[in-house]
Amino acid sequence: MTYFINGAEVETDGDGYLLEPDYSNEAVEVIAAAEGISLTPDHWKIVEYMRNEYRENGHTPNFRNMLKGIQEFWEDADSKALYDLFPMGPAKQGAKIAGLPQPYGKGGY
């Protein structure tokens, strides 16, 4: 699978994750559209969070750590709210839409 981002063809792994991170907004929009996700401001909050975690740690958090981290800036965040945004799994699908490589194991650290 490949995406066309900023006029260039970008390679992915077999599951559609970018091989190298792309922090552009266009990457998010292209991948979200491919996933059938209509982006909202809450999606963008999670995208920024996932990108920051990747930059700081070299990988993204698993779901439990993701939920804990998100509750620091989104008080009402719970499992349901995150699954409403990313129905295929917030940690994995969130990382994919954020333009990041596939998370480790079952979704990060």
N, C-alpha and C. Protein backbone atom coordinates (compact mmCIF):
# COMPACT_ATOMS: atom_id res chain seq x y z
N MET A 1 0.85 -1.18 0.00
CA MET A 1 0.00 0.00 0.00
C MET A 1 0.89 1.23 0.00
N THR A 2 0.44 2.25 -0.68
CA THR A 2 1.14 3.52 -0.68
C THR A 2 0.13 4.65 -0.55
N TYR A 3 0.62 5.76 -0.06
CA TYR A 3 -0.19 6.98 0.02
C TYR A 3 0.50 8.03 -0.83
N PHE A 4 -0.26 8.98 -1.33
CA PHE A 4 0.30 10.13 -2.01
C PHE A 4 0.16 11.32 -1.07
N ILE A 5 1.29 11.77 -0.54
CA ILE A 5 1.32 12.84 0.46
C ILE A 5 2.24 13.94 -0.05
N ASN A 6 1.73 15.15 -0.08
CA ASN A 6 2.49 16.30 -0.57
C ASN A 6 3.08 16.02 -1.96
N GLY A 7 2.29 15.34 -2.80
CA GLY A 7 2.70 15.08 -4.18
C GLY A 7 3.70 13.95 -4.36
N ALA A 8 4.03 13.26 -3.29
CA ALA A 8 5.01 12.16 -3.38
C ALA A 8 4.36 10.85 -2.95
N GLU A 9 4.81 9.77 -3.57
CA GLU A 9 4.35 8.45 -3.18
C GLU A 9 5.14 8.01 -1.95
N VAL A 10 4.42 7.63 -0.89
CA VAL A 10 5.05 7.25 0.37
C VAL A 10 4.74 5.78 0.64
N GLU A 11 5.78 5.01 0.88
CA GLU A 11 5.62 3.58 1.12
C GLU A 11 5.14 3.29 2.54
N THR A 12 4.45 2.16 2.65
CA THR A 12 3.96 1.70 3.95
C THR A 12 4.33 0.24 4.14
N ASP A 13 4.13 -0.24 5.35
CA ASP A 13 4.28 -1.68 5.58
C ASP A 13 3.00 -2.37 5.11
N GLY A 14 2.91 -3.65 5.30
CA GLY A 14 1.76 -4.42 4.85
C GLY A 14 0.44 -4.04 5.49
N ASP A 15 0.50 -3.37 6.65
CA ASP A 15 -0.72 -2.96 7.35
C ASP A 15 -1.09 -1.50 7.12
N GLY A 16 -0.35 -0.82 6.25
CA GLY A 16 -0.67 0.56 5.92
C GLY A 16 -0.04 1.62 6.80
N TYR A 17 0.92 1.23 7.65
CA TYR A 17 1.63 2.20 8.48
C TYR A 17 2.82 2.75 7.69
N LEU A 18 3.10 4.03 7.86
CA LEU A 18 4.26 4.61 7.21
C LEU A 18 5.54 3.96 7.75
N LEU A 19 6.53 3.82 6.88
CA LEU A 19 7.80 3.24 7.31
C LEU A 19 8.63 4.27 8.07
N GLU A 20 8.46 5.52 7.71
CA GLU A 20 9.12 6.65 8.39
C GLU A 20 8.05 7.65 8.80
N PRO A 21 8.21 8.28 9.96
CA PRO A 21 7.17 9.23 10.39
C PRO A 21 7.05 10.41 9.43
N ASP A 22 5.84 10.89 9.28
CA ASP A 22 5.55 12.09 8.49
C ASP A 22 4.69 12.98 9.38
N TYR A 23 5.22 14.14 9.76
CA TYR A 23 4.53 15.01 10.70
C TYR A 23 3.69 16.09 10.01
N SER A 24 3.47 15.94 8.72
CA SER A 24 2.67 16.95 8.02
C SER A 24 1.18 16.73 8.26
N ASN A 25 0.43 17.82 8.19
CA ASN A 25 -1.03 17.72 8.33
C ASN A 25 -1.63 16.96 7.16
N GLU A 26 -1.02 17.09 5.99
CA GLU A 26 -1.54 16.38 4.82
C GLU A 26 -1.47 14.87 5.03
N ALA A 27 -0.40 14.39 5.68
CA ALA A 27 -0.29 12.95 5.95
C ALA A 27 -1.48 12.48 6.79
N VAL A 28 -1.82 13.25 7.80
CA VAL A 28 -2.96 12.90 8.66
C VAL A 28 -4.24 12.86 7.84
N GLU A 29 -4.45 13.86 7.02
CA GLU A 29 -5.67 13.94 6.23
C GLU A 29 -5.78 12.79 5.23
N VAL A 30 -4.68 12.47 4.57
CA VAL A 30 -4.68 11.39 3.57
C VAL A 30 -4.93 10.03 4.23
N ILE A 31 -4.24 9.77 5.32
CA ILE A 31 -4.38 8.47 5.99
C ILE A 31 -5.76 8.34 6.64
N ALA A 32 -6.24 9.42 7.26
CA ALA A 32 -7.57 9.38 7.86
C ALA A 32 -8.63 9.09 6.80
N ALA A 33 -8.52 9.72 5.65
CA ALA A 33 -9.48 9.48 4.58
C ALA A 33 -9.43 8.02 4.14
N ALA A 34 -8.24 7.46 4.03
CA ALA A 34 -8.09 6.06 3.65
C ALA A 34 -8.70 5.13 4.69
N GLU A 35 -8.69 5.56 5.95
CA GLU A 35 -9.25 4.78 7.05
C GLU A 35 -10.75 5.02 7.24
N GLY A 36 -11.31 5.97 6.47
CA GLY A 36 -12.72 6.28 6.60
C GLY A 36 -13.05 7.13 7.82
N ILE A 37 -12.08 7.91 8.29
CA ILE A 37 -12.24 8.75 9.47
C ILE A 37 -12.40 10.22 9.04
N SER A 38 -13.47 10.86 9.50
CA SER A 38 -13.65 12.29 9.30
C SER A 38 -13.05 13.00 10.52
N LEU A 39 -12.02 13.76 10.30
CA LEU A 39 -11.27 14.37 11.39
C LEU A 39 -12.05 15.46 12.10
N THR A 40 -11.96 15.45 13.43
CA THR A 40 -12.55 16.47 14.29
C THR A 40 -11.42 17.09 15.12
N PRO A 41 -11.69 18.18 15.84
CA PRO A 41 -10.66 18.74 16.71
C PRO A 41 -10.13 17.72 17.74
N ASP A 42 -10.98 16.82 18.22
CA ASP A 42 -10.51 15.80 19.16
C ASP A 42 -9.52 14.83 18.50
N HIS A 43 -9.75 14.49 17.24
CA HIS A 43 -8.78 13.66 16.52
C HIS A 43 -7.41 14.35 16.49
N TRP A 44 -7.43 15.64 16.19
CA TRP A 44 -6.17 16.38 16.09
C TRP A 44 -5.44 16.44 17.44
N LYS A 45 -6.19 16.52 18.55
CA LYS A 45 -5.55 16.49 19.88
C LYS A 45 -4.80 15.17 20.07
N ILE A 46 -5.44 14.08 19.67
CA ILE A 46 -4.83 12.76 19.84
C ILE A 46 -3.64 12.61 18.89
N VAL A 47 -3.77 13.10 17.67
CA VAL A 47 -2.66 13.05 16.72
C VAL A 47 -1.45 13.77 17.31
N GLU A 48 -1.65 14.97 17.84
CA GLU A 48 -0.53 15.72 18.44
C GLU A 48 0.07 14.96 19.61
N TYR A 49 -0.77 14.40 20.45
CA TYR A 49 -0.29 13.62 21.59
C TYR A 49 0.56 12.44 21.10
N MET A 50 0.06 11.70 20.12
CA MET A 50 0.80 10.53 19.62
C MET A 50 2.14 10.94 19.00
N ARG A 51 2.13 12.02 18.26
CA ARG A 51 3.38 12.51 17.65
C ARG A 51 4.38 12.93 18.71
N ASN A 52 3.91 13.63 19.73
CA ASN A 52 4.81 14.05 20.81
C ASN A 52 5.39 12.85 21.54
N GLU A 53 4.57 11.85 21.80
CA GLU A 53 5.06 10.64 22.47
C GLU A 53 6.11 9.94 21.60
N TYR A 54 5.87 9.89 20.31
CA TYR A 54 6.83 9.25 19.41
C TYR A 54 8.15 10.03 19.38
N ARG A 55 8.05 11.34 19.31
CA ARG A 55 9.27 12.17 19.30
C ARG A 55 10.07 12.00 20.59
N GLU A 56 9.38 11.96 21.72
CA GLU A 56 10.06 11.88 23.02
C GLU A 56 10.58 10.48 23.35
N ASN A 57 9.85 9.45 22.93
CA ASN A 57 10.18 8.09 23.35
C ASN A 57 10.63 7.16 22.23
N GLY A 58 10.46 7.58 20.98
CA GLY A 58 10.84 6.73 19.86
C GLY A 58 9.78 5.69 19.52
N HIS A 59 8.67 5.70 20.22
CA HIS A 59 7.54 4.81 19.94
C HIS A 59 6.31 5.40 20.61
N THR A 60 5.16 4.81 20.32
CA THR A 60 3.92 5.31 20.88
C THR A 60 3.47 4.44 22.05
N PRO A 61 2.61 4.97 22.91
CA PRO A 61 2.17 4.21 24.09
C PRO A 61 1.13 3.14 23.75
N ASN A 62 1.06 2.15 24.61
CA ASN A 62 -0.04 1.19 24.49
C ASN A 62 -1.32 1.88 24.95
N PHE A 63 -2.44 1.20 24.83
CA PHE A 63 -3.72 1.85 25.11
C PHE A 63 -3.82 2.35 26.55
N ARG A 64 -3.41 1.54 27.51
CA ARG A 64 -3.52 1.95 28.92
C ARG A 64 -2.72 3.23 29.18
N ASN A 65 -1.49 3.28 28.71
CA ASN A 65 -0.67 4.48 28.92
C ASN A 65 -1.17 5.66 28.10
N MET A 66 -1.72 5.36 26.93
CA MET A 66 -2.30 6.41 26.10
C MET A 66 -3.47 7.07 26.84
N LEU A 67 -4.36 6.26 27.37
CA LEU A 67 -5.52 6.79 28.09
C LEU A 67 -5.08 7.63 29.28
N LYS A 68 -4.11 7.14 30.01
CA LYS A 68 -3.59 7.88 31.17
C LYS A 68 -2.98 9.22 30.74
N GLY A 69 -2.20 9.21 29.67
CA GLY A 69 -1.56 10.43 29.18
C GLY A 69 -2.57 11.44 28.66
N ILE A 70 -3.57 10.97 27.97
CA ILE A 70 -4.58 11.86 27.39
C ILE A 70 -5.43 12.51 28.48
N GLN A 71 -5.65 11.80 29.56
CA GLN A 71 -6.46 12.36 30.65
C GLN A 71 -5.79 13.57 31.31
N GLU A 72 -4.51 13.78 31.04
CA GLU A 72 -3.82 14.96 31.57
C GLU A 72 -4.30 16.25 30.90
N PHE A 73 -4.79 16.14 29.64
CA PHE A 73 -5.25 17.35 28.95
C PHE A 73 -6.71 17.25 28.50
N TRP A 74 -7.31 16.08 28.61
CA TRP A 74 -8.71 15.89 28.22
C TRP A 74 -9.38 15.13 29.34
N GLU A 75 -9.96 15.87 30.29
CA GLU A 75 -10.51 15.29 31.52
C GLU A 75 -11.58 14.24 31.28
N ASP A 76 -12.42 14.43 30.27
CA ASP A 76 -13.53 13.52 30.01
C ASP A 76 -13.12 12.30 29.20
N ALA A 77 -11.85 12.18 28.88
CA ALA A 77 -11.40 11.06 28.05
C ALA A 77 -11.60 9.74 28.78
N ASP A 78 -12.19 8.80 28.08
CA ASP A 78 -12.33 7.45 28.59
C ASP A 78 -12.21 6.50 27.39
N SER A 79 -12.28 5.22 27.66
CA SER A 79 -12.13 4.23 26.59
C SER A 79 -13.13 4.45 25.47
N LYS A 80 -14.38 4.69 25.84
CA LYS A 80 -15.43 4.87 24.84
C LYS A 80 -15.13 6.06 23.94
N ALA A 81 -14.73 7.18 24.53
CA ALA A 81 -14.44 8.38 23.74
C ALA A 81 -13.32 8.11 22.73
N LEU A 82 -12.30 7.38 23.16
CA LEU A 82 -11.19 7.08 22.25
C LEU A 82 -11.60 6.10 21.15
N TYR A 83 -12.40 5.10 21.51
CA TYR A 83 -12.88 4.16 20.49
C TYR A 83 -13.88 4.81 19.55
N ASP A 84 -14.59 5.83 20.00
CA ASP A 84 -15.46 6.58 19.10
C ASP A 84 -14.63 7.30 18.03
N LEU A 85 -13.45 7.78 18.42
CA LEU A 85 -12.57 8.46 17.48
C LEU A 85 -11.84 7.48 16.56
N PHE A 86 -11.36 6.40 17.14
CA PHE A 86 -10.53 5.42 16.42
C PHE A 86 -11.10 4.02 16.66
N PRO A 87 -12.15 3.66 15.91
CA PRO A 87 -12.85 2.40 16.18
C PRO A 87 -12.03 1.13 15.97
N MET A 88 -10.95 1.19 15.23
CA MET A 88 -10.13 0.01 15.00
C MET A 88 -9.05 -0.16 16.09
N GLY A 89 -9.10 0.68 17.11
CA GLY A 89 -8.15 0.62 18.21
C GLY A 89 -7.41 1.93 18.33
N PRO A 90 -7.63 2.68 19.40
CA PRO A 90 -7.03 4.01 19.54
C PRO A 90 -5.50 4.03 19.46
N ALA A 91 -4.83 3.09 20.09
CA ALA A 91 -3.36 3.12 20.09
C ALA A 91 -2.81 2.84 18.69
N LYS A 92 -3.33 1.82 18.04
CA LYS A 92 -2.82 1.45 16.72
C LYS A 92 -3.33 2.38 15.62
N GLN A 93 -4.64 2.55 15.53
CA GLN A 93 -5.19 3.39 14.48
C GLN A 93 -4.80 4.85 14.69
N GLY A 94 -4.71 5.27 15.95
CA GLY A 94 -4.26 6.63 16.24
C GLY A 94 -2.85 6.88 15.74
N ALA A 95 -1.96 5.91 15.95
CA ALA A 95 -0.57 6.03 15.47
C ALA A 95 -0.54 6.07 13.95
N LYS A 96 -1.33 5.21 13.32
CA LYS A 96 -1.36 5.16 11.85
C LYS A 96 -1.79 6.51 11.29
N ILE A 97 -2.90 7.04 11.80
CA ILE A 97 -3.43 8.30 11.30
C ILE A 97 -2.50 9.46 11.62
N ALA A 98 -1.74 9.37 12.71
CA ALA A 98 -0.78 10.41 13.06
C ALA A 98 0.43 10.41 12.12
N GLY A 99 0.51 9.42 11.23
CA GLY A 99 1.62 9.36 10.28
C GLY A 99 2.86 8.73 10.86
N LEU A 100 2.67 7.81 11.82
CA LEU A 100 3.79 7.19 12.51
C LEU A 100 3.95 5.73 12.10
N PRO A 101 5.14 5.16 12.28
CA PRO A 101 5.33 3.74 12.00
C PRO A 101 4.47 2.88 12.94
N GLN A 102 4.30 1.63 12.58
CA GLN A 102 3.48 0.70 13.36
C GLN A 102 4.04 0.56 14.78
N PRO A 103 3.16 0.64 15.80
CA PRO A 103 3.61 0.50 17.19
C PRO A 103 4.17 -0.89 17.48
N TYR A 104 4.97 -0.96 18.52
CA TYR A 104 5.52 -2.23 18.97
C TYR A 104 4.42 -3.15 19.47
N GLY A 105 4.63 -4.44 19.37
CA GLY A 105 3.77 -5.45 19.98
C GLY A 105 2.30 -5.14 19.92
N LYS A 106 1.68 -4.99 21.06
CA LYS A 106 0.25 -4.76 21.14
C LYS A 106 -0.09 -3.28 21.26
N GLY A 107 0.78 -2.41 20.82
CA GLY A 107 0.41 -0.99 20.81
C GLY A 107 1.36 -0.09 21.56
N GLY A 108 2.63 -0.42 21.68
CA GLY A 108 3.59 0.52 22.27
C GLY A 108 4.16 0.04 23.58
N TYR A 109 4.57 0.99 24.38
CA TYR A 109 5.23 0.65 25.65
C TYR A 109 4.24 0.47 26.76
